[in-house]
Amino acid sequence: MTYVRGLRLLSGPFAEKSMKAKRIAALQCTTLFGGLATEELADIAQRAIDLRLQKGEMLFLAGESARGLYVVVDGKIRSFQQNEDGREQVMHVNASGSVLGDVPVFDDGPFPASAISEAETHVLLLEKNDVRELCAKYPSLALAALKLMAAKVRRHASLIEALSLHEVGQRLALFLLAEARSATLAADVPKPFRLHLSNQEIASRIGSVRDVVSRALTRLKREGLISLDNRTVTILNLRALRRYAARGSTLSPRTISDCPTGIESLVISNNSPSGSGLH
């Protein structure tokens, strides 16, 4: 077994044979590589390097030169920026099927953000020269790379809009609504979920600080939009929460009573594979 900057690389004939099919399956789940033919994926998988990280290990740091791009096979990688005071802004939480580190591969700049594992994580590394060679070899891959980066530009534009044009309470409401969508995708009837993130972690995702997030949660509870019981969060009035997220106006009991509850009530958590909706 080989070590590179604390990352354990799987090596040896047996490990390589056992991981090849998983590499192909992981590549198929991505927007970048998912449209390629099986033989093309096999070519790419042959070049990929398996890396495993423990929770809390850095994958890369902002400002570092990029070795290549990464595909998350399983686990979670948090991309973030941090100022001199240590305040963190989460850019994205990358779950299985995510691709990260692609921008510096194509523009020759350093990593624009840092990335750290939030759980035990398995990623594939495709080195910069291989990625460029593959894009020349498979034109559809180059087009997919453009689409991927265009999607990231849109996502970051949405993040900038949320941070600059919405107050913290609105951003918290948007965060909860995004988590509700993720948590209830596979459920016909919404069920209670635990909110696994701390208020500090939520603050990092919505561009705030812990105390302000705590006050915003208290306000949403006081206004009757949500309930919070031992970190179990229930959206009591979905329409009113959406209205508040969009308009940011003070909600009165009369405003809330105008919005029907019942079937629209959702119960949410922060345990979705896609992470926060504010990326």
Protein backbone atom coordinates (compact mmCIF):
# COMPACT_ATOMS: atom_id res chain seq x y z
CA MET A 1 0.00 0.00 0.00
CA THR A 2 1.35 3.43 -1.01
CA TYR A 3 0.87 6.73 0.83
CA VAL A 4 0.58 10.18 -0.78
CA ARG A 5 0.03 13.18 1.54
CA GLY A 6 -1.84 10.97 4.00
CA LEU A 7 -4.06 9.47 1.29
CA ARG A 8 -3.96 5.68 1.10
CA LEU A 9 -3.79 4.37 -2.44
CA LEU A 10 -5.07 0.89 -3.17
CA SER A 11 -2.48 -1.05 -5.17
CA GLY A 12 -1.56 -4.55 -6.26
CA PRO A 13 -3.09 -6.94 -8.84
CA PHE A 14 -5.90 -8.21 -6.62
CA ALA A 15 -6.98 -4.73 -5.51
CA GLU A 16 -6.80 -3.41 -9.07
CA LYS A 17 -8.95 -6.24 -10.40
CA SER A 18 -11.53 -5.90 -7.64
CA MET A 19 -11.84 -2.13 -8.06
CA LYS A 20 -12.03 -1.81 -11.86
CA ALA A 21 -15.75 -2.59 -12.10
CA LYS A 22 -16.48 -0.18 -9.27
CA ARG A 23 -14.51 2.55 -11.02
CA ILE A 24 -16.55 2.12 -14.19
CA ALA A 25 -19.80 2.14 -12.20
CA ALA A 26 -18.72 5.30 -10.38
CA LEU A 27 -17.83 7.05 -13.66
CA GLN A 28 -21.22 6.09 -15.13
CA CYS A 29 -22.95 7.92 -12.26
CA THR A 30 -21.35 11.27 -13.08
CA THR A 31 -22.57 14.02 -15.37
CA LEU A 32 -19.09 14.30 -16.84
CA PHE A 33 -18.51 10.66 -17.83
CA GLY A 34 -22.00 9.17 -17.74
CA GLY A 35 -22.69 9.61 -21.48
CA LEU A 36 -19.64 7.66 -22.65
CA ALA A 37 -19.66 4.14 -24.07
CA THR A 38 -18.56 1.20 -21.96
CA GLU A 39 -15.24 0.77 -23.76
CA GLU A 40 -14.50 4.48 -23.31
CA LEU A 41 -15.29 4.24 -19.61
CA ALA A 42 -12.99 1.22 -19.34
CA ASP A 43 -10.19 3.30 -20.89
CA ILE A 44 -10.76 6.07 -18.36
CA ALA A 45 -11.09 3.64 -15.44
CA GLN A 46 -7.74 2.12 -16.34
CA ARG A 47 -6.09 5.50 -15.79
CA ALA A 48 -7.90 6.30 -12.53
CA ILE A 49 -6.18 6.13 -9.16
CA ASP A 50 -8.16 5.02 -6.10
CA LEU A 51 -7.78 7.19 -3.02
CA ARG A 52 -9.35 6.67 0.40
CA LEU A 53 -9.72 9.36 3.04
CA GLN A 54 -10.71 9.17 6.67
CA LYS A 55 -13.19 11.68 8.06
CA GLY A 56 -11.53 15.07 8.41
CA GLU A 57 -8.70 14.48 5.91
CA MET A 58 -7.92 17.23 3.43
CA LEU A 59 -8.16 16.30 -0.23
CA PHE A 60 -6.65 19.60 -1.37
CA LEU A 61 -6.18 23.19 -0.20
CA ALA A 62 -7.18 26.43 -1.89
CA GLY A 63 -4.19 27.87 -3.74
CA GLU A 64 -2.49 24.53 -4.36
CA SER A 65 -1.56 23.41 -7.86
CA ALA A 66 -3.99 20.83 -9.20
CA ARG A 67 -2.80 17.31 -9.85
CA GLY A 68 -6.05 16.36 -11.53
CA LEU A 69 -9.79 16.07 -10.99
CA TYR A 70 -11.62 13.83 -8.54
CA VAL A 71 -14.72 11.64 -8.75
CA VAL A 72 -16.50 10.75 -5.49
CA VAL A 73 -17.27 7.02 -5.45
CA ASP A 74 -18.79 7.03 -1.97
CA GLY A 75 -18.66 9.26 1.09
CA LYS A 76 -18.79 13.07 1.19
CA ILE A 77 -16.34 15.86 0.38
CA ARG A 78 -17.02 19.43 1.55
CA SER A 79 -15.70 22.19 -0.70
CA PHE A 80 -15.25 25.47 1.16
CA GLN A 81 -13.44 28.79 1.36
CA GLN A 82 -12.11 30.25 4.60
CA ASN A 83 -11.02 33.77 5.51
CA GLU A 84 -8.15 34.83 7.76
CA ASP A 85 -10.42 34.79 10.82
CA GLY A 86 -11.34 31.16 10.19
CA ARG A 87 -14.89 31.87 9.06
CA GLU A 88 -15.93 29.24 6.55
CA GLN A 89 -18.28 29.41 3.57
CA VAL A 90 -19.32 26.04 2.20
CA MET A 91 -19.41 26.03 -1.59
CA HIS A 92 -20.74 22.53 -2.09
CA VAL A 93 -21.06 19.14 -0.39
CA ASN A 94 -19.96 16.54 -2.93
CA ALA A 95 -21.57 13.11 -2.57
CA SER A 96 -21.36 9.96 -4.69
CA GLY A 97 -21.29 10.81 -8.40
CA SER A 98 -19.83 14.29 -7.90
CA VAL A 99 -16.81 15.62 -9.81
CA LEU A 100 -14.56 18.23 -8.22
CA GLY A 101 -11.26 19.90 -9.02
CA ASP A 102 -12.13 20.21 -12.70
CA VAL A 103 -11.70 23.98 -13.05
CA PRO A 104 -7.91 24.12 -12.44
CA VAL A 105 -7.44 21.11 -14.71
CA PHE A 106 -8.58 23.23 -17.63
CA ASP A 107 -7.41 26.75 -16.73
CA ASP A 108 -4.00 25.81 -15.21
CA GLY A 109 -4.77 27.86 -12.11
CA PRO A 110 -4.68 26.68 -8.49
CA PHE A 111 -7.61 25.14 -6.63
CA PRO A 112 -10.10 27.97 -5.93
CA ALA A 113 -11.39 26.28 -2.77
CA SER A 114 -10.34 23.66 -0.23
CA ALA A 115 -11.86 20.19 0.07
CA ILE A 116 -12.14 17.99 3.16
CA SER A 117 -13.83 14.64 3.77
CA GLU A 118 -16.94 14.68 5.96
CA ALA A 119 -16.93 10.88 6.29
CA GLU A 120 -14.82 7.93 5.20
CA THR A 121 -14.61 8.60 1.48
CA HIS A 122 -13.44 6.83 -1.66
CA VAL A 123 -12.51 9.02 -4.62
CA LEU A 124 -10.95 8.48 -8.04
CA LEU A 125 -8.14 10.73 -9.21
CA LEU A 126 -7.71 11.41 -12.92
CA GLU A 127 -4.48 13.26 -13.55
CA LYS A 128 -4.52 16.54 -15.46
CA ASN A 129 -2.65 15.31 -18.53
CA ASP A 130 -4.88 12.24 -18.79
CA VAL A 131 -8.04 14.37 -18.61
CA ARG A 132 -6.84 16.64 -21.40
CA GLU A 133 -5.78 13.69 -23.53
CA LEU A 134 -9.15 12.01 -22.97
CA CYS A 135 -11.04 15.17 -23.96
CA ALA A 136 -9.10 15.26 -27.23
CA LYS A 137 -9.69 11.56 -27.77
CA TYR A 138 -13.42 11.64 -26.95
CA PRO A 139 -15.05 14.92 -28.13
CA SER A 140 -18.28 14.13 -26.28
CA LEU A 141 -16.30 14.23 -23.04
CA ALA A 142 -15.07 17.75 -23.82
CA LEU A 143 -18.66 18.88 -24.39
CA ALA A 144 -19.75 17.26 -21.14
CA ALA A 145 -16.95 19.11 -19.33
CA LEU A 146 -18.26 22.42 -20.70
CA LYS A 147 -21.78 21.57 -19.53
CA LEU A 148 -20.49 20.61 -16.10
CA MET A 149 -18.63 23.89 -15.62
CA ALA A 150 -21.60 25.87 -16.95
CA ALA A 151 -23.80 24.20 -14.33
CA LYS A 152 -21.29 25.17 -11.63
CA VAL A 153 -21.32 28.78 -12.81
CA ARG A 154 -25.12 28.81 -12.46
CA ARG A 155 -24.93 27.22 -9.01
CA HIS A 156 -22.37 29.74 -7.81
CA ALA A 157 -24.47 32.57 -9.23
CA SER A 158 -27.38 31.28 -7.13
CA LEU A 159 -25.12 31.16 -4.08
CA ILE A 160 -23.99 34.75 -4.64
CA GLU A 161 -27.60 35.84 -5.03
CA ALA A 162 -28.58 34.11 -1.81
CA LEU A 163 -25.68 35.59 0.15
CA SER A 164 -26.04 39.12 -1.18
CA LEU A 165 -29.80 39.56 -1.63
CA HIS A 166 -31.32 37.44 1.16
CA GLU A 167 -31.16 37.91 4.90
CA VAL A 168 -30.00 35.03 7.09
CA GLY A 169 -33.55 33.96 7.92
CA GLN A 170 -34.41 33.67 4.24
CA ARG A 171 -31.23 31.71 3.53
CA LEU A 172 -32.07 29.37 6.39
CA ALA A 173 -35.57 28.89 4.97
CA LEU A 174 -34.09 28.13 1.53
CA PHE A 175 -31.72 25.65 3.15
CA LEU A 176 -34.57 23.89 4.95
CA LEU A 177 -36.69 23.76 1.80
CA ALA A 178 -33.81 22.24 -0.16
CA GLU A 179 -33.29 19.66 2.57
CA ALA A 180 -37.01 18.87 2.53
CA ARG A 181 -36.87 18.14 -1.19
CA SER A 182 -33.86 15.85 -0.74
CA ALA A 183 -35.24 14.06 2.30
CA THR A 184 -38.64 13.26 0.80
CA LEU A 185 -37.70 12.23 -2.75
CA ALA A 186 -38.26 8.53 -2.06
CA ALA A 187 -41.18 8.90 0.37
CA ASP A 188 -44.86 9.14 -0.56
CA VAL A 189 -45.67 10.23 2.98
CA PRO A 190 -43.11 12.52 4.69
CA LYS A 191 -41.61 11.10 7.87
CA PRO A 192 -39.62 12.71 10.67
CA PHE A 193 -35.90 13.10 10.10
CA ARG A 194 -33.04 14.14 12.33
CA LEU A 195 -31.22 17.40 11.64
CA HIS A 196 -27.68 16.04 11.86
CA LEU A 197 -25.87 19.31 11.23
CA SER A 198 -25.06 21.55 14.16
CA ASN A 199 -26.05 25.22 14.03
CA GLN A 200 -22.38 26.03 13.37
CA GLU A 201 -22.33 23.70 10.36
CA ILE A 202 -25.57 25.16 9.05
CA ALA A 203 -24.06 28.63 9.44
CA SER A 204 -21.09 27.59 7.28
CA ARG A 205 -23.46 26.48 4.56
CA ILE A 206 -25.59 29.61 4.47
CA GLY A 207 -22.88 32.21 5.08
CA SER A 208 -23.59 33.19 8.67
CA VAL A 209 -22.52 32.48 12.24
CA ARG A 210 -23.92 30.10 14.84
CA ASP A 211 -25.70 32.62 17.08
CA VAL A 212 -27.51 34.24 14.16
CA VAL A 213 -28.65 30.84 12.88
CA SER A 214 -29.94 29.95 16.35
CA ARG A 215 -31.98 33.16 16.46
CA ALA A 216 -33.32 32.55 12.95
CA LEU A 217 -34.44 29.04 13.90
CA THR A 218 -36.14 30.43 16.99
CA ARG A 219 -37.99 32.96 14.84
CA LEU A 220 -39.21 30.28 12.42
CA LYS A 221 -40.48 28.28 15.39
CA ARG A 222 -42.13 31.32 16.98
CA GLU A 223 -43.88 32.18 13.70
CA GLY A 224 -45.27 28.66 13.49
CA LEU A 225 -43.45 27.67 10.30
CA ILE A 226 -41.42 24.81 11.79
CA SER A 227 -41.10 22.79 14.95
CA LEU A 228 -37.76 21.62 16.33
CA ASP A 229 -37.77 18.83 18.90
CA ASN A 230 -34.42 17.34 19.89
CA ARG A 231 -33.00 18.18 16.41
CA THR A 232 -36.02 16.71 14.63
CA VAL A 233 -37.34 19.41 12.30
CA THR A 234 -40.89 19.50 10.97
CA ILE A 235 -42.10 22.01 8.41
CA LEU A 236 -45.53 22.93 9.72
CA ASN A 237 -46.51 25.30 6.92
CA LEU A 238 -44.75 24.71 3.62
CA ARG A 239 -46.44 27.51 1.69
CA ALA A 240 -45.68 30.11 4.34
CA LEU A 241 -42.05 29.00 4.57
CA ARG A 242 -41.70 29.31 0.80
CA ARG A 243 -43.27 32.78 0.93
CA TYR A 244 -40.88 33.86 3.64
CA ALA A 245 -37.86 32.46 1.75
CA ALA A 246 -38.88 34.42 -1.36
CA ARG A 247 -40.07 37.70 0.19
CA GLY A 248 -38.38 37.89 3.57
CA SER A 249 -41.31 39.82 5.04
CA THR A 250 -42.37 39.47 8.64
CA LEU A 251 -44.98 36.78 9.00
CA SER A 252 -48.03 37.30 11.16
CA PRO A 253 -50.37 34.61 12.49
CA ARG A 254 -52.97 35.86 9.98
CA THR A 255 -50.52 35.39 7.09
CA ILE A 256 -49.72 31.90 8.28
CA SER A 257 -53.39 30.96 8.70
CA ASP A 258 -53.97 31.93 5.06
CA CYS A 259 -51.58 29.17 3.99
CA PRO A 260 -53.03 25.62 4.25
CA THR A 261 -51.05 23.00 6.11
CA GLY A 262 -52.09 19.34 6.38
CA ILE A 263 -50.89 17.43 3.34
CA GLU A 264 -48.30 20.09 2.50
CA SER A 265 -46.50 19.62 5.82
CA LEU A 266 -43.07 18.10 5.38
CA VAL A 267 -40.57 16.69 7.85
CA ILE A 268 -36.93 17.25 6.98
CA SER A 269 -33.38 16.44 7.94
CA ASN A 270 -29.88 17.19 6.76
CA ASN A 271 -28.96 13.60 5.93
CA SER A 272 -29.53 13.81 2.17
CA PRO A 273 -26.84 12.44 -0.13
CA SER A 274 -26.74 15.61 -2.16
CA GLY A 275 -25.99 17.92 0.77
CA SER A 276 -27.12 21.47 1.06
CA GLY A 277 -29.15 23.10 -1.67
CA LEU A 278 -27.06 26.25 -1.33
CA HIS A 279 -23.84 25.43 -3.12
